[in-house]
Amino acid sequence: MPGRLAAGSASDLVRAERDIRSRIGEQHLDFAAMAAVSNIYRAANVIRNHMERNVLADEDLSWAAFTVLFVLWIWGDQQTRHLAAEAGVTKGTLTGVLKTLEKRGLTRRRAHDEDGRLVLVSLEPKGLAVIERLFPAFNMSEAQVSSALTEREKGQLASLLRKIIRSVEEDQADGT
């Protein structure tokens, strides 16, 4: 049956986990960890696709482009290397995203005042208008996506995900 890993009903997802366990259950694996991580991945993809189709498409923005605008809106001008890291994209991907955003007059790149080797990215007034207009709709969709959770559950989920993020980032900093 196609699509059980990508999305589906709750019973489809549980059945997929059961199918995986029955296929590779002979091995000594951490199935709880596998279920947790694969569900994070599936949830992130489902939410990203939902946001791109239902919110960002109206402004003809990709997830990466929206994230770049959001980072610049919240934290101001950014060096390209920091912006790529904050947006969760490679510098190569960022270059393409910035090219598109610049063509539309939403962002601008310029040499750093003190170190000409560095490139700073700024949000242009048109970009500011787009992100300020778009963000309430984006947040409304975030509320819709998480509506099956109570406020307490949303807080718990956010806390648990931050814990995973910190753990992975600490492992990367340690070189593991």
C-alpha atoms as a PDB file:
ATOM      1  CA  MET A   1       0.000   0.000   0.000  1.00  0.00           C
ATOM      2  CA  PRO A   2       1.628   3.265  -1.061  1.00  0.00           C
ATOM      3  CA  GLY A   3       1.850   6.337   1.109  1.00  0.00           C
ATOM      4  CA  ARG A   4       1.669   4.846   4.579  1.00  0.00           C
ATOM      5  CA  LEU A   5       4.941   6.467   5.634  1.00  0.00           C
ATOM      6  CA  ALA A   6       4.120   9.864   4.162  1.00  0.00           C
ATOM      7  CA  ALA A   7       0.731  10.426   5.723  1.00  0.00           C
ATOM      8  CA  GLY A   8      -2.596   8.786   6.226  1.00  0.00           C
ATOM      9  CA  SER A   9      -4.881   8.013   9.085  1.00  0.00           C
ATOM     10  CA  ALA A  10      -3.593   7.348  12.580  1.00  0.00           C
ATOM     11  CA  SER A  11      -4.258   3.641  12.063  1.00  0.00           C
ATOM     12  CA  ASP A  12      -2.240   3.701   8.795  1.00  0.00           C
ATOM     13  CA  LEU A  13       0.726   5.212  10.646  1.00  0.00           C
ATOM     14  CA  VAL A  14       0.512   2.672  13.476  1.00  0.00           C
ATOM     15  CA  ARG A  15       0.177  -0.145  10.919  1.00  0.00           C
ATOM     16  CA  ALA A  16       3.292   1.147   9.085  1.00  0.00           C
ATOM     17  CA  GLU A  17       5.233   1.087  12.360  1.00  0.00           C
ATOM     18  CA  ARG A  18       3.980  -2.444  13.026  1.00  0.00           C
ATOM     19  CA  ASP A  19       4.941  -3.542   9.469  1.00  0.00           C
ATOM     20  CA  ILE A  20       8.448  -2.149   9.953  1.00  0.00           C
ATOM     21  CA  ARG A  21       8.812  -3.907  13.295  1.00  0.00           C
ATOM     22  CA  SER A  22       7.646  -7.231  11.846  1.00  0.00           C
ATOM     23  CA  ARG A  23      10.061  -6.898   8.898  1.00  0.00           C
ATOM     24  CA  ILE A  24      13.182  -5.988  10.898  1.00  0.00           C
ATOM     25  CA  GLY A  25      12.116  -6.987  14.402  1.00  0.00           C
ATOM     26  CA  GLU A  26      14.727  -9.743  14.652  1.00  0.00           C
ATOM     27  CA  GLN A  27      17.435  -7.113  14.995  1.00  0.00           C
ATOM     28  CA  HIS A  28      18.254  -5.430  18.281  1.00  0.00           C
ATOM     29  CA  LEU A  29      16.965  -1.964  17.440  1.00  0.00           C
ATOM     30  CA  ASP A  30      15.440   0.893  19.407  1.00  0.00           C
ATOM     31  CA  PHE A  31      11.968   0.854  17.866  1.00  0.00           C
ATOM     32  CA  ALA A  32      10.683   3.603  20.157  1.00  0.00           C
ATOM     33  CA  ALA A  33      13.464   5.909  18.940  1.00  0.00           C
ATOM     34  CA  MET A  34      12.756   4.924  15.345  1.00  0.00           C
ATOM     35  CA  ALA A  35       9.039   5.678  15.755  1.00  0.00           C
ATOM     36  CA  ALA A  36       9.757   9.012  17.454  1.00  0.00           C
ATOM     37  CA  VAL A  37      12.231  10.218  14.819  1.00  0.00           C
ATOM     38  CA  SER A  38      10.255   8.959  11.829  1.00  0.00           C
ATOM     39  CA  ASN A  39       7.110  10.638  13.176  1.00  0.00           C
ATOM     40  CA  ILE A  40       9.015  13.918  13.638  1.00  0.00           C
ATOM     41  CA  TYR A  41      10.129  13.627  10.022  1.00  0.00           C
ATOM     42  CA  ARG A  42       6.649  12.754   8.746  1.00  0.00           C
ATOM     43  CA  ALA A  43       5.009  15.530  10.763  1.00  0.00           C
ATOM     44  CA  ALA A  44       7.533  18.101   9.551  1.00  0.00           C
ATOM     45  CA  ASN A  45       6.974  17.116   5.918  1.00  0.00           C
ATOM     46  CA  VAL A  46       3.196  17.059   6.196  1.00  0.00           C
ATOM     47  CA  ILE A  47       3.169  20.470   7.898  1.00  0.00           C
ATOM     48  CA  ARG A  48       5.656  21.981   5.449  1.00  0.00           C
ATOM     49  CA  ASN A  49       3.628  20.770   2.469  1.00  0.00           C
ATOM     50  CA  HIS A  50       0.417  22.034   4.053  1.00  0.00           C
ATOM     51  CA  MET A  51       1.912  25.483   4.682  1.00  0.00           C
ATOM     52  CA  GLU A  52       3.391  25.739   1.196  1.00  0.00           C
ATOM     53  CA  ARG A  53       0.071  24.788  -0.444  1.00  0.00           C
ATOM     54  CA  ASN A  54      -2.330  26.673   1.817  1.00  0.00           C
ATOM     55  CA  VAL A  55      -0.436  29.769   2.967  1.00  0.00           C
ATOM     56  CA  LEU A  56       2.800  30.387   1.088  1.00  0.00           C
ATOM     57  CA  ALA A  57       1.447  29.648  -2.404  1.00  0.00           C
ATOM     58  CA  ASP A  58      -0.638  32.846  -2.260  1.00  0.00           C
ATOM     59  CA  GLU A  59       2.625  34.813  -2.100  1.00  0.00           C
ATOM     60  CA  ASP A  60       4.493  32.413  -4.426  1.00  0.00           C
ATOM     61  CA  LEU A  61       7.008  31.598  -1.676  1.00  0.00           C
ATOM     62  CA  SER A  62       8.779  28.368  -0.862  1.00  0.00           C
ATOM     63  CA  TRP A  63       9.327  27.256   2.719  1.00  0.00           C
ATOM     64  CA  ALA A  64      12.978  28.335   2.469  1.00  0.00           C
ATOM     65  CA  ALA A  65      12.060  31.773   1.102  1.00  0.00           C
ATOM     66  CA  PHE A  66       9.504  32.288   3.875  1.00  0.00           C
ATOM     67  CA  THR A  67      12.056  31.241   6.485  1.00  0.00           C
ATOM     68  CA  VAL A  68      14.635  33.689   5.081  1.00  0.00           C
ATOM     69  CA  LEU A  69      12.096  36.533   5.223  1.00  0.00           C
ATOM     70  CA  PHE A  70      11.106  35.530   8.759  1.00  0.00           C
ATOM     71  CA  VAL A  71      14.717  35.434  10.014  1.00  0.00           C
ATOM     72  CA  LEU A  72      15.452  38.839   8.517  1.00  0.00           C
ATOM     73  CA  TRP A  73      12.215  40.237   9.957  1.00  0.00           C
ATOM     74  CA  ILE A  74      12.941  39.007  13.477  1.00  0.00           C
ATOM     75  CA  TRP A  75      16.730  39.435  13.704  1.00  0.00           C
ATOM     76  CA  GLY A  76      17.540  42.047  11.057  1.00  0.00           C
ATOM     77  CA  ASP A  77      20.420  42.049   8.599  1.00  0.00           C
ATOM     78  CA  GLN A  78      22.340  38.776   8.468  1.00  0.00           C
ATOM     79  CA  GLN A  79      25.593  37.537   7.000  1.00  0.00           C
ATOM     80  CA  THR A  80      24.830  34.898   4.394  1.00  0.00           C
ATOM     81  CA  ARG A  81      26.511  32.110   6.368  1.00  0.00           C
ATOM     82  CA  HIS A  82      24.426  32.900   9.469  1.00  0.00           C
ATOM     83  CA  LEU A  83      21.260  33.314   7.420  1.00  0.00           C
ATOM     84  CA  ALA A  84      21.775  29.910   5.770  1.00  0.00           C
ATOM     85  CA  ALA A  85      22.244  28.277   9.176  1.00  0.00           C
ATOM     86  CA  GLU A  86      19.189  29.991  10.679  1.00  0.00           C
ATOM     87  CA  ALA A  87      17.040  29.115   7.656  1.00  0.00           C
ATOM     88  CA  GLY A  88      18.247  25.497   7.744  1.00  0.00           C
ATOM     89  CA  VAL A  89      19.534  25.520   4.169  1.00  0.00           C
ATOM     90  CA  THR A  90      22.911  25.194   2.486  1.00  0.00           C
ATOM     91  CA  LYS A  91      24.707  28.291   1.254  1.00  0.00           C
ATOM     92  CA  GLY A  92      24.060  27.073  -2.302  1.00  0.00           C
ATOM     93  CA  THR A  93      20.331  26.834  -1.685  1.00  0.00           C
ATOM     94  CA  LEU A  94      20.386  30.228   0.003  1.00  0.00           C
ATOM     95  CA  THR A  95      22.032  31.762  -3.070  1.00  0.00           C
ATOM     96  CA  GLY A  96      19.145  30.585  -5.266  1.00  0.00           C
ATOM     97  CA  VAL A  97      16.515  31.707  -2.761  1.00  0.00           C
ATOM     98  CA  LEU A  98      18.129  35.144  -2.437  1.00  0.00           C
ATOM     99  CA  LYS A  99      18.350  35.536  -6.199  1.00  0.00           C
ATOM    100  CA  THR A 100      14.586  34.980  -6.432  1.00  0.00           C
ATOM    101  CA  LEU A 101      13.790  37.232  -3.466  1.00  0.00           C
ATOM    102  CA  GLU A 102      16.022  40.006  -4.848  1.00  0.00           C
ATOM    103  CA  LYS A 103      14.367  39.827  -8.286  1.00  0.00           C
ATOM    104  CA  ARG A 104      11.055  40.380  -6.532  1.00  0.00           C
ATOM    105  CA  GLY A 105      12.471  43.303  -4.526  1.00  0.00           C
ATOM    106  CA  LEU A 106      11.993  41.554  -1.172  1.00  0.00           C
ATOM    107  CA  THR A 107      15.639  41.362  -0.037  1.00  0.00           C
ATOM    108  CA  ARG A 108      18.977  42.943  -0.898  1.00  0.00           C
ATOM    109  CA  ARG A 109      22.571  41.712  -0.662  1.00  0.00           C
ATOM    110  CA  ARG A 110      25.496  44.052  -0.075  1.00  0.00           C
ATOM    111  CA  ALA A 111      29.115  43.908   1.039  1.00  0.00           C
ATOM    112  CA  HIS A 112      29.724  44.130   4.779  1.00  0.00           C
ATOM    113  CA  ASP A 113      30.861  47.648   5.787  1.00  0.00           C
ATOM    114  CA  GLU A 114      33.898  46.441   7.763  1.00  0.00           C
ATOM    115  CA  ASP A 115      34.826  43.274   5.849  1.00  0.00           C
ATOM    116  CA  GLY A 116      34.132  43.365   2.117  1.00  0.00           C
ATOM    117  CA  ARG A 117      34.539  39.573   1.882  1.00  0.00           C
ATOM    118  CA  LEU A 118      31.334  39.117   3.851  1.00  0.00           C
ATOM    119  CA  VAL A 119      27.873  39.579   2.366  1.00  0.00           C
ATOM    120  CA  LEU A 120      24.973  41.007   4.354  1.00  0.00           C
ATOM    121  CA  VAL A 121      21.351  40.377   3.490  1.00  0.00           C
ATOM    122  CA  SER A 122      18.651  42.924   4.299  1.00  0.00           C
ATOM    123  CA  LEU A 123      14.890  42.870   4.176  1.00  0.00           C
ATOM    124  CA  GLU A 124      13.625  45.492   1.740  1.00  0.00           C
ATOM    125  CA  PRO A 125      10.445  47.491   2.505  1.00  0.00           C
ATOM    126  CA  LYS A 126       8.484  45.335   0.046  1.00  0.00           C
ATOM    127  CA  GLY A 127       9.762  42.204   1.823  1.00  0.00           C
ATOM    128  CA  LEU A 128       8.784  43.666   5.184  1.00  0.00           C
ATOM    129  CA  ALA A 129       5.279  44.291   3.865  1.00  0.00           C
ATOM    130  CA  VAL A 130       5.024  40.708   2.590  1.00  0.00           C
ATOM    131  CA  ILE A 131       6.151  39.048   5.836  1.00  0.00           C
ATOM    132  CA  GLU A 132       3.998  41.327   7.999  1.00  0.00           C
ATOM    133  CA  ARG A 133       0.951  40.587   5.836  1.00  0.00           C
ATOM    134  CA  LEU A 134       1.684  36.860   5.548  1.00  0.00           C
ATOM    135  CA  PHE A 135       2.663  35.952   9.097  1.00  0.00           C
ATOM    136  CA  PRO A 136      -0.811  36.201  10.694  1.00  0.00           C
ATOM    137  CA  ALA A 137      -2.162  33.749   8.077  1.00  0.00           C
ATOM    138  CA  PHE A 138       0.839  31.493   8.654  1.00  0.00           C
ATOM    139  CA  ASN A 139       0.217  31.533  12.400  1.00  0.00           C
ATOM    140  CA  MET A 140      -3.479  30.852  11.887  1.00  0.00           C
ATOM    141  CA  SER A 141      -2.494  27.784   9.899  1.00  0.00           C
ATOM    142  CA  GLU A 142      -0.069  26.777  12.680  1.00  0.00           C
ATOM    143  CA  ALA A 143      -3.010  26.954  15.090  1.00  0.00           C
ATOM    144  CA  GLN A 144      -5.126  24.841  12.737  1.00  0.00           C
ATOM    145  CA  VAL A 145      -2.379  22.236  12.309  1.00  0.00           C
ATOM    146  CA  SER A 146      -1.940  21.916  16.078  1.00  0.00           C
ATOM    147  CA  SER A 147      -5.629  22.163  16.976  1.00  0.00           C
ATOM    148  CA  ALA A 148      -5.860  18.485  17.980  1.00  0.00           C
ATOM    149  CA  LEU A 149      -3.549  19.276  20.923  1.00  0.00           C
ATOM    150  CA  THR A 150      -4.450  21.039  24.145  1.00  0.00           C
ATOM    151  CA  GLU A 151      -2.460  24.124  25.123  1.00  0.00           C
ATOM    152  CA  ARG A 152      -0.616  21.983  27.667  1.00  0.00           C
ATOM    153  CA  GLU A 153       0.198  19.352  25.035  1.00  0.00           C
ATOM    154  CA  LYS A 154       1.472  22.038  22.651  1.00  0.00           C
ATOM    155  CA  GLY A 155       3.809  23.267  25.386  1.00  0.00           C
ATOM    156  CA  GLN A 156       4.964  19.732  26.167  1.00  0.00           C
ATOM    157  CA  LEU A 157       5.571  18.965  22.497  1.00  0.00           C
ATOM    158  CA  ALA A 158       7.554  22.179  22.002  1.00  0.00           C
ATOM    159  CA  SER A 159       9.626  21.403  25.102  1.00  0.00           C
ATOM    160  CA  LEU A 160      10.339  17.825  24.032  1.00  0.00           C
ATOM    161  CA  LEU A 161      11.342  18.914  20.528  1.00  0.00           C
ATOM    162  CA  ARG A 162      13.674  21.587  21.958  1.00  0.00           C
ATOM    163  CA  LYS A 163      15.251  18.818  24.050  1.00  0.00           C
ATOM    164  CA  ILE A 164      15.902  16.736  20.923  1.00  0.00           C
ATOM    165  CA  ILE A 165      17.277  19.761  19.049  1.00  0.00           C
ATOM    166  CA  ARG A 166      19.665  20.597  21.903  1.00  0.00           C
ATOM    167  CA  SER A 167      20.820  16.982  22.127  1.00  0.00           C
ATOM    168  CA  VAL A 168      21.602  16.768  18.415  1.00  0.00           C
ATOM    169  CA  GLU A 169      23.313  20.177  18.397  1.00  0.00           C
ATOM    170  CA  GLU A 170      25.426  19.233  21.430  1.00  0.00           C
ATOM    171  CA  ASP A 171      26.445  15.982  19.719  1.00  0.00           C
ATOM    172  CA  GLN A 172      27.437  17.940  16.590  1.00  0.00           C
ATOM    173  CA  ALA A 173      29.468  20.396  18.674  1.00  0.00           C
ATOM    174  CA  ASP A 174      31.244  17.462  20.315  1.00  0.00           C
ATOM    175  CA  GLY A 175      31.971  15.981  16.891  1.00  0.00           C
ATOM    176  CA  THR A 176      29.863  12.855  17.401  1.00  0.00           C
END
